[in-house]
PDB file of all heavy atoms in Angstrom:
ATOM      1  N   ARG A   1      -3.146  17.727  -4.665  1.00  0.00           N
ATOM      2  CA  ARG A   1      -1.847  17.943  -4.021  1.00  0.00           C
ATOM      3  C   ARG A   1      -1.032  16.658  -3.967  1.00  0.00           C
ATOM      4  O   ARG A   1      -1.578  15.573  -3.773  1.00  0.00           O
ATOM      5  CB  ARG A   1      -2.026  18.480  -2.601  1.00  0.00           C
ATOM      6  CG  ARG A   1      -2.681  19.847  -2.502  1.00  0.00           C
ATOM      7  CD  ARG A   1      -2.661  20.303  -1.053  1.00  0.00           C
ATOM      8  NE  ARG A   1      -1.303  20.496  -0.573  1.00  0.00           N
ATOM      9  CZ  ARG A   1      -0.921  20.300   0.699  1.00  0.00           C
ATOM     10  NH1 ARG A   1      -1.784  19.859   1.602  1.00  0.00           N
ATOM     11  NH2 ARG A   1       0.335  20.514   1.062  1.00  0.00           N
ATOM     12  N   PHE A   2       0.281  16.813  -4.118  1.00  0.00           N
ATOM     13  CA  PHE A   2       1.233  15.717  -3.966  1.00  0.00           C
ATOM     14  C   PHE A   2       2.305  16.195  -2.986  1.00  0.00           C
ATOM     15  O   PHE A   2       2.942  17.230  -3.222  1.00  0.00           O
ATOM     16  CB  PHE A   2       1.896  15.374  -5.302  1.00  0.00           C
ATOM     17  CG  PHE A   2       0.933  15.022  -6.406  1.00  0.00           C
ATOM     18  CD1 PHE A   2       0.329  16.009  -7.165  1.00  0.00           C
ATOM     19  CD2 PHE A   2       0.643  13.696  -6.685  1.00  0.00           C
ATOM     20  CE1 PHE A   2      -0.549  15.686  -8.186  1.00  0.00           C
ATOM     21  CE2 PHE A   2      -0.235  13.362  -7.704  1.00  0.00           C
ATOM     22  CZ  PHE A   2      -0.833  14.356  -8.452  1.00  0.00           C
ATOM     23  N   PHE A   3       2.525  15.459  -1.913  1.00  0.00           N
ATOM     24  CA  PHE A   3       3.551  15.901  -0.970  1.00  0.00           C
ATOM     25  C   PHE A   3       4.031  14.738  -0.116  1.00  0.00           C
ATOM     26  O   PHE A   3       3.371  13.700   0.023  1.00  0.00           O
ATOM     27  CB  PHE A   3       3.039  17.046  -0.086  1.00  0.00           C
ATOM     28  CG  PHE A   3       1.768  16.751   0.657  1.00  0.00           C
ATOM     29  CD1 PHE A   3       1.785  16.236   1.950  1.00  0.00           C
ATOM     30  CD2 PHE A   3       0.532  16.985   0.064  1.00  0.00           C
ATOM     31  CE1 PHE A   3       0.615  15.963   2.642  1.00  0.00           C
ATOM     32  CE2 PHE A   3      -0.647  16.716   0.742  1.00  0.00           C
ATOM     33  CZ  PHE A   3      -0.606  16.204   2.033  1.00  0.00           C
ATOM     34  N   ILE A   4       5.216  14.911   0.471  1.00  0.00           N
ATOM     35  CA  ILE A   4       5.789  13.942   1.408  1.00  0.00           C
ATOM     36  C   ILE A   4       5.645  14.521   2.802  1.00  0.00           C
ATOM     37  O   ILE A   4       5.984  15.677   3.039  1.00  0.00           O
ATOM     38  CB  ILE A   4       7.272  13.675   1.076  1.00  0.00           C
ATOM     39  CG1 ILE A   4       7.390  13.016  -0.300  1.00  0.00           C
ATOM     40  CG2 ILE A   4       7.899  12.782   2.141  1.00  0.00           C
ATOM     41  CD1 ILE A   4       8.820  12.831  -0.757  1.00  0.00           C
ATOM     42  N   ARG A   5       5.129  13.707   3.726  1.00  0.00           N
ATOM     43  CA  ARG A   5       4.911  14.210   5.087  1.00  0.00           C
ATOM     44  C   ARG A   5       5.167  13.102   6.103  1.00  0.00           C
ATOM     45  O   ARG A   5       5.323  11.925   5.757  1.00  0.00           O
ATOM     46  CB  ARG A   5       3.489  14.740   5.244  1.00  0.00           C
ATOM     47  CG  ARG A   5       2.412  13.680   5.139  1.00  0.00           C
ATOM     48  CD  ARG A   5       1.049  14.302   5.362  1.00  0.00           C
ATOM     49  NE  ARG A   5      -0.017  13.306   5.288  1.00  0.00           N
ATOM     50  CZ  ARG A   5      -1.306  13.605   5.456  1.00  0.00           C
ATOM     51  NH1 ARG A   5      -1.663  14.855   5.692  1.00  0.00           N
ATOM     52  NH2 ARG A   5      -2.222  12.667   5.384  1.00  0.00           N
ATOM     53  N   ASP A   6       5.183  13.487   7.371  1.00  0.00           N
ATOM     54  CA  ASP A   6       5.428  12.534   8.458  1.00  0.00           C
ATOM     55  C   ASP A   6       4.272  11.537   8.553  1.00  0.00           C
ATOM     56  O   ASP A   6       3.111  11.883   8.335  1.00  0.00           O
ATOM     57  CB  ASP A   6       5.565  13.261   9.797  1.00  0.00           C
ATOM     58  CG  ASP A   6       6.732  14.240   9.811  1.00  0.00           C
ATOM     59  OD1 ASP A   6       7.715  13.986   9.089  1.00  0.00           O
ATOM     60  OD2 ASP A   6       6.657  15.258  10.532  1.00  0.00           O
ATOM     61  N   GLN A   7       4.617  10.284   8.898  1.00  0.00           N
ATOM     62  CA  GLN A   7       3.582   9.277   9.093  1.00  0.00           C
ATOM     63  C   GLN A   7       2.732   9.584  10.316  1.00  0.00           C
ATOM     64  O   GLN A   7       1.518   9.420  10.297  1.00  0.00           O
ATOM     65  CB  GLN A   7       4.218   7.887   9.238  1.00  0.00           C
ATOM     66  CG  GLN A   7       4.804   7.347   7.940  1.00  0.00           C
ATOM     67  CD  GLN A   7       5.263   5.910   8.089  1.00  0.00           C
ATOM     68  OE1 GLN A   7       4.914   5.228   9.051  1.00  0.00           O
ATOM     69  NE2 GLN A   7       6.055   5.427   7.135  1.00  0.00           N
ATOM     70  N   LYS A   8       3.380  10.040  11.377  1.00  0.00           N
ATOM     71  CA  LYS A   8       2.658  10.396  12.593  1.00  0.00           C
ATOM     72  C   LYS A   8       3.075  11.793  13.038  1.00  0.00           C
ATOM     73  O   LYS A   8       4.253  12.132  13.002  1.00  0.00           O
ATOM     74  CB  LYS A   8       2.941   9.393  13.708  1.00  0.00           C
ATOM     75  CG  LYS A   8       2.403   7.993  13.425  1.00  0.00           C
ATOM     76  CD  LYS A   8       2.670   7.059  14.589  1.00  0.00           C
ATOM     77  CE  LYS A   8       2.105   5.669  14.321  1.00  0.00           C
ATOM     78  NZ  LYS A   8       2.350   4.745  15.454  1.00  0.00           N
ATOM     79  N   LYS A   9       2.129  12.574  13.438  1.00  0.00           N
ATOM     80  CA  LYS A   9       2.391  13.933  13.879  1.00  0.00           C
ATOM     81  C   LYS A   9       2.468  13.994  15.402  1.00  0.00           C
ATOM     82  O   LYS A   9       1.524  13.607  16.103  1.00  0.00           O
ATOM     83  CB  LYS A   9       1.285  14.877  13.377  1.00  0.00           C
ATOM     84  CG  LYS A   9       1.466  16.316  13.828  1.00  0.00           C
ATOM     85  CD  LYS A   9       0.317  17.186  13.346  1.00  0.00           C
ATOM     86  CE  LYS A   9       0.438  18.601  13.897  1.00  0.00           C
ATOM     87  NZ  LYS A   9      -0.698  19.447  13.464  1.00  0.00           N
ATOM     88  N   SER A  10       3.590  14.473  15.902  1.00  0.00           N
ATOM     89  CA  SER A  10       3.736  14.644  17.344  1.00  0.00           C
ATOM     90  C   SER A  10       2.989  15.904  17.782  1.00  0.00           C
ATOM     91  O   SER A  10       2.946  16.898  17.069  1.00  0.00           O
ATOM     92  CB  SER A  10       5.227  14.783  17.706  1.00  0.00           C
ATOM     93  OG  SER A  10       5.367  15.131  19.067  1.00  0.00           O
ATOM     94  N   LYS A  11       2.399  15.830  18.976  1.00  0.00           N
ATOM     95  CA  LYS A  11       1.643  16.984  19.468  1.00  0.00           C
ATOM     96  C   LYS A  11       2.547  18.181  19.732  1.00  0.00           C
ATOM     97  O   LYS A  11       2.093  19.317  19.726  1.00  0.00           O
ATOM     98  CB  LYS A  11       0.900  16.602  20.755  1.00  0.00           C
ATOM     99  CG  LYS A  11      -0.188  15.553  20.542  1.00  0.00           C
ATOM    100  CD  LYS A  11      -0.911  15.258  21.839  1.00  0.00           C
ATOM    101  CE  LYS A  11      -2.030  14.224  21.639  1.00  0.00           C
ATOM    102  NZ  LYS A  11      -2.743  13.924  22.888  1.00  0.00           N
ATOM    103  N   ARG A  12       3.826  17.942  19.959  1.00  0.00           N
ATOM    104  CA  ARG A  12       4.744  19.027  20.311  1.00  0.00           C
ATOM    105  C   ARG A  12       5.496  19.604  19.116  1.00  0.00           C
ATOM    106  O   ARG A  12       6.226  20.569  19.240  1.00  0.00           O
ATOM    107  CB  ARG A  12       5.749  18.535  21.350  1.00  0.00           C
ATOM    108  CG  ARG A  12       5.098  18.144  22.678  1.00  0.00           C
ATOM    109  CD  ARG A  12       6.154  17.792  23.704  1.00  0.00           C
ATOM    110  NE  ARG A  12       5.560  17.467  24.996  1.00  0.00           N
ATOM    111  CZ  ARG A  12       6.259  17.174  26.087  1.00  0.00           C
ATOM    112  NH1 ARG A  12       7.587  17.155  26.027  1.00  0.00           N
ATOM    113  NH2 ARG A  12       5.638  16.886  27.215  1.00  0.00           N
ATOM    114  N   THR A  13       5.368  18.972  17.969  1.00  0.00           N
ATOM    115  CA  THR A  13       6.098  19.456  16.796  1.00  0.00           C
ATOM    116  C   THR A  13       5.132  19.688  15.640  1.00  0.00           C
ATOM    117  O   THR A  13       4.101  19.029  15.520  1.00  0.00           O
ATOM    118  CB  THR A  13       7.177  18.443  16.358  1.00  0.00           C
ATOM    119  OG1 THR A  13       6.534  17.199  16.030  1.00  0.00           O
ATOM    120  CG2 THR A  13       8.197  18.235  17.446  1.00  0.00           C
ATOM    121  N   ALA A  14       5.497  20.617  14.772  1.00  0.00           N
ATOM    122  CA  ALA A  14       4.685  20.903  13.599  1.00  0.00           C
ATOM    123  C   ALA A  14       4.979  19.873  12.517  1.00  0.00           C
ATOM    124  O   ALA A  14       6.101  19.396  12.379  1.00  0.00           O
ATOM    125  CB  ALA A  14       5.001  22.304  13.082  1.00  0.00           C
ATOM    126  N   ALA A  15       3.954  19.503  11.785  1.00  0.00           N
ATOM    127  CA  ALA A  15       4.123  18.531  10.709  1.00  0.00           C
ATOM    128  C   ALA A  15       4.942  19.156   9.586  1.00  0.00           C
ATOM    129  O   ALA A  15       4.741  20.317   9.221  1.00  0.00           O
ATOM    130  CB  ALA A  15       2.761  18.094  10.184  1.00  0.00           C
ATOM    131  N   GLN A  16       5.888  18.387   9.048  1.00  0.00           N
ATOM    132  CA  GLN A  16       6.721  18.858   7.942  1.00  0.00           C
ATOM    133  C   GLN A  16       6.220  18.257   6.635  1.00  0.00           C
ATOM    134  O   GLN A  16       6.062  17.048   6.519  1.00  0.00           O
ATOM    135  CB  GLN A  16       8.181  18.481   8.180  1.00  0.00           C
ATOM    136  CG  GLN A  16       8.796  19.186   9.380  1.00  0.00           C
ATOM    137  CD  GLN A  16      10.261  18.858   9.537  1.00  0.00           C
ATOM    138  OE1 GLN A  16      10.767  17.917   8.940  1.00  0.00           O
ATOM    139  NE2 GLN A  16      10.950  19.643  10.337  1.00  0.00           N
ATOM    140  N   GLU A  17       5.983  19.111   5.651  1.00  0.00           N
ATOM    141  CA  GLU A  17       5.490  18.658   4.360  1.00  0.00           C
ATOM    142  C   GLU A  17       6.389  19.188   3.245  1.00  0.00           C
ATOM    143  O   GLU A  17       6.807  20.342   3.278  1.00  0.00           O
ATOM    144  CB  GLU A  17       4.053  19.137   4.118  1.00  0.00           C
ATOM    145  CG  GLU A  17       3.042  18.555   5.086  1.00  0.00           C
ATOM    146  CD  GLU A  17       1.626  19.010   4.791  1.00  0.00           C
ATOM    147  OE1 GLU A  17       1.468  19.854   3.880  1.00  0.00           O
ATOM    148  OE2 GLU A  17       0.683  18.537   5.448  1.00  0.00           O
ATOM    149  N   ILE A  18       6.674  18.328   2.275  1.00  0.00           N
ATOM    150  CA  ILE A  18       7.453  18.712   1.101  1.00  0.00           C
ATOM    151  C   ILE A  18       6.543  18.574  -0.110  1.00  0.00           C
ATOM    152  O   ILE A  18       6.157  17.477  -0.499  1.00  0.00           O
ATOM    153  CB  ILE A  18       8.700  17.823   0.929  1.00  0.00           C
ATOM    154  CG1 ILE A  18       9.587  17.912   2.173  1.00  0.00           C
ATOM    155  CG2 ILE A  18       9.483  18.221  -0.317  1.00  0.00           C
ATOM    156  CD1 ILE A  18      10.764  16.955   2.144  1.00  0.00           C
ATOM    157  N   GLU A  19       6.170  19.695  -0.685  1.00  0.00           N
ATOM    158  CA  GLU A  19       5.260  19.690  -1.837  1.00  0.00           C
ATOM    159  C   GLU A  19       6.002  19.243  -3.094  1.00  0.00           C
ATOM    160  O   GLU A  19       7.133  19.657  -3.349  1.00  0.00           O
ATOM    161  CB  GLU A  19       4.690  21.089  -2.054  1.00  0.00           C
ATOM    162  CG  GLU A  19       3.536  21.138  -3.032  1.00  0.00           C
ATOM    163  CD  GLU A  19       2.185  21.018  -2.357  1.00  0.00           C
ATOM    164  OE1 GLU A  19       2.076  21.281  -1.145  1.00  0.00           O
ATOM    165  OE2 GLU A  19       1.226  20.655  -3.064  1.00  0.00           O
ATOM    166  N   LEU A  20       5.367  18.383  -3.879  1.00  0.00           N
ATOM    167  CA  LEU A  20       5.924  17.922  -5.152  1.00  0.00           C
ATOM    168  C   LEU A  20       5.036  18.429  -6.283  1.00  0.00           C
ATOM    169  O   LEU A  20       3.816  18.271  -6.237  1.00  0.00           O
ATOM    170  CB  LEU A  20       6.002  16.396  -5.190  1.00  0.00           C
ATOM    171  CG  LEU A  20       6.880  15.732  -4.108  1.00  0.00           C
ATOM    172  CD1 LEU A  20       6.818  14.218  -4.242  1.00  0.00           C
ATOM    173  CD2 LEU A  20       8.319  16.212  -4.219  1.00  0.00           C
ATOM    174  N   THR A  21       5.644  19.029  -7.296  1.00  0.00           N
ATOM    175  CA  THR A  21       4.889  19.580  -8.416  1.00  0.00           C
ATOM    176  C   THR A  21       5.024  18.674  -9.636  1.00  0.00           C
ATOM    177  O   THR A  21       6.142  18.405 -10.076  1.00  0.00           O
ATOM    178  CB  THR A  21       5.395  20.989  -8.778  1.00  0.00           C
ATOM    179  OG1 THR A  21       5.290  21.835  -7.629  1.00  0.00           O
ATOM    180  CG2 THR A  21       4.581  21.583  -9.910  1.00  0.00           C
ATOM    181  N   PRO A  22       3.921  18.186 -10.182  1.00  0.00           N
ATOM    182  CA  PRO A  22       3.997  17.321 -11.375  1.00  0.00           C
ATOM    183  C   PRO A  22       4.612  18.057 -12.562  1.00  0.00           C
ATOM    184  O   PRO A  22       4.407  19.261 -12.753  1.00  0.00           O
ATOM    185  CB  PRO A  22       2.535  16.966 -11.647  1.00  0.00           C
ATOM    186  CG  PRO A  22       1.842  17.159 -10.347  1.00  0.00           C
ATOM    187  CD  PRO A  22       2.540  18.313  -9.695  1.00  0.00           C
ATOM    188  N   LEU A  23       5.377  17.307 -13.361  1.00  0.00           N
ATOM    189  CA  LEU A  23       5.955  17.862 -14.581  1.00  0.00           C
ATOM    190  C   LEU A  23       4.918  17.900 -15.696  1.00  0.00           C
ATOM    191  O   LEU A  23       4.988  18.753 -16.585  1.00  0.00           O
ATOM    192  CB  LEU A  23       7.146  17.017 -15.030  1.00  0.00           C
ATOM    193  CG  LEU A  23       8.281  16.814 -14.024  1.00  0.00           C
ATOM    194  CD1 LEU A  23       9.309  15.843 -14.587  1.00  0.00           C
ATOM    195  CD2 LEU A  23       8.926  18.144 -13.666  1.00  0.00           C
ATOM    196  N   LEU A  24       3.955  16.964 -15.614  1.00  0.00           N
ATOM    197  CA  LEU A  24       3.002  16.829 -16.719  1.00  0.00           C
ATOM    198  C   LEU A  24       1.830  15.964 -16.295  1.00  0.00           C
ATOM    199  O   LEU A  24       1.964  15.084 -15.443  1.00  0.00           O
ATOM    200  CB  LEU A  24       3.722  16.200 -17.920  1.00  0.00           C
ATOM    201  CG  LEU A  24       2.944  15.858 -19.188  1.00  0.00           C
ATOM    202  CD1 LEU A  24       3.796  16.131 -20.413  1.00  0.00           C
ATOM    203  CD2 LEU A  24       2.509  14.395 -19.181  1.00  0.00           C
ATOM    204  N   CYS A  25       0.676  16.229 -16.887  1.00  0.00           N
ATOM    205  CA  CYS A  25      -0.506  15.375 -16.723  1.00  0.00           C
ATOM    206  C   CYS A  25      -1.032  15.051 -18.112  1.00  0.00           C
ATOM    207  O   CYS A  25      -1.095  15.935 -18.981  1.00  0.00           O
ATOM    208  CB  CYS A  25      -1.575  16.083 -15.901  1.00  0.00           C
ATOM    209  SG  CYS A  25      -3.114  15.131 -15.742  1.00  0.00           S
ATOM    210  N   THR A  26      -1.434  13.795 -18.341  1.00  0.00           N
ATOM    211  CA  THR A  26      -1.809  13.380 -19.690  1.00  0.00           C
ATOM    212  C   THR A  26      -3.209  13.805 -20.112  1.00  0.00           C
ATOM    213  O   THR A  26      -3.548  13.724 -21.299  1.00  0.00           O
ATOM    214  CB  THR A  26      -1.721  11.844 -19.827  1.00  0.00           C
ATOM    215  OG1 THR A  26      -2.570  11.236 -18.844  1.00  0.00           O
ATOM    216  CG2 THR A  26      -0.299  11.364 -19.654  1.00  0.00           C
ATOM    217  N   GLY A  27      -4.040  14.227 -19.174  1.00  0.00           N
ATOM    218  CA  GLY A  27      -5.407  14.553 -19.574  1.00  0.00           C
ATOM    219  C   GLY A  27      -6.082  15.557 -18.664  1.00  0.00           C
ATOM    220  O   GLY A  27      -5.477  16.134 -17.767  1.00  0.00           O
ATOM    221  N   GLU A  28      -7.363  15.753 -18.901  1.00  0.00           N
ATOM    222  CA  GLU A  28      -8.174  16.693 -18.131  1.00  0.00           C
ATOM    223  C   GLU A  28      -8.566  16.068 -16.801  1.00  0.00           C
ATOM    224  O   GLU A  28      -9.055  14.942 -16.752  1.00  0.00           O
ATOM    225  CB  GLU A  28      -9.421  17.065 -18.935  1.00  0.00           C
ATOM    226  CG  GLU A  28     -10.344  18.043 -18.239  1.00  0.00           C
ATOM    227  CD  GLU A  28      -9.676  19.388 -17.976  1.00  0.00           C
ATOM    228  OE1 GLU A  28      -8.889  19.843 -18.824  1.00  0.00           O
ATOM    229  OE2 GLU A  28      -9.950  19.971 -16.904  1.00  0.00           O
ATOM    230  N   PHE A  29      -8.358  16.823 -15.732  1.00  0.00           N
ATOM    231  CA  PHE A  29      -8.625  16.279 -14.399  1.00  0.00           C
ATOM    232  C   PHE A  29      -9.400  17.280 -13.547  1.00  0.00           C
ATOM    233  O   PHE A  29      -9.376  17.226 -12.339  1.00  0.00           O
ATOM    234  CB  PHE A  29      -7.292  15.933 -13.713  1.00  0.00           C
ATOM    235  CG  PHE A  29      -7.401  14.843 -12.677  1.00  0.00           C
ATOM    236  CD1 PHE A  29      -7.568  13.522 -13.051  1.00  0.00           C
ATOM    237  CD2 PHE A  29      -7.335  15.137 -11.328  1.00  0.00           C
ATOM    238  CE1 PHE A  29      -7.655  12.510 -12.101  1.00  0.00           C
ATOM    239  CE2 PHE A  29      -7.425  14.136 -10.363  1.00  0.00           C
ATOM    240  CZ  PHE A  29      -7.590  12.822 -10.757  1.00  0.00           C
ATOM    241  N   SER A  30     -10.092  18.213 -14.183  1.00  0.00           N
ATOM    242  CA  SER A  30     -10.777  19.263 -13.431  1.00  0.00           C
ATOM    243  C   SER A  30     -12.229  18.929 -13.122  1.00  0.00           C
ATOM    244  O   SER A  30     -12.791  19.435 -12.156  1.00  0.00           O
ATOM    245  CB  SER A  30     -10.715  20.587 -14.200  1.00  0.00           C
ATOM    246  OG  SER A  30     -11.347  20.458 -15.459  1.00  0.00           O
ATOM    247  N   ARG A  31     -12.864  18.073 -13.930  1.00  0.00           N
ATOM    248  CA  ARG A  31     -14.262  17.697 -13.678  1.00  0.00           C
ATOM    249  C   ARG A  31     -14.497  16.251 -14.085  1.00  0.00           C
ATOM    250  O   ARG A  31     -14.114  15.831 -15.178  1.00  0.00           O
ATOM    251  CB  ARG A  31     -15.218  18.604 -14.439  1.00  0.00           C
ATOM    252  CG  ARG A  31     -16.636  18.029 -14.545  1.00  0.00           C
ATOM    253  CD  ARG A  31     -17.635  18.971 -15.173  1.00  0.00           C
ATOM    254  NE  ARG A  31     -18.095  19.990 -14.220  1.00  0.00           N
ATOM    255  CZ  ARG A  31     -19.220  20.686 -14.369  1.00  0.00           C
ATOM    256  NH1 ARG A  31     -19.987  20.489 -15.424  1.00  0.00           N
ATOM    257  NH2 ARG A  31     -19.573  21.587 -13.477  1.00  0.00           N
ATOM    258  N   ILE A  32     -15.169  15.521 -13.191  1.00  0.00           N
ATOM    259  CA  ILE A  32     -15.610  14.163 -13.488  1.00  0.00           C
ATOM    260  C   ILE A  32     -17.133  14.200 -13.466  1.00  0.00           C
ATOM    261  O   ILE A  32     -17.744  14.384 -12.410  1.00  0.00           O
ATOM    262  CB  ILE A  32     -15.080  13.141 -12.455  1.00  0.00           C
ATOM    263  CG1 ILE A  32     -13.588  13.357 -12.197  1.00  0.00           C
ATOM    264  CG2 ILE A  32     -15.353  11.723 -12.934  1.00  0.00           C
ATOM    265  CD1 ILE A  32     -12.708  13.236 -13.407  1.00  0.00           C
ATOM    266  N   SER A  33     -17.726  14.051 -14.616  1.00  0.00           N
ATOM    267  CA  SER A  33     -19.188  14.125 -14.711  1.00  0.00           C
ATOM    268  C   SER A  33     -19.845  12.971 -13.955  1.00  0.00           C
ATOM    269  O   SER A  33     -19.192  11.983 -13.617  1.00  0.00           O
ATOM    270  CB  SER A  33     -19.621  14.095 -16.183  1.00  0.00           C
ATOM    271  OG  SER A  33     -19.055  15.184 -16.897  1.00  0.00           O
TER     272      SER A  33
END
């Protein structure tokens, strides 16, 4: 996951997250032997 979020979460407010979707990945990243 890639996202922008608050540095500190207040107990009275919900954390806000903005998801970022990659345009491209140069290689295989599903398994590291």
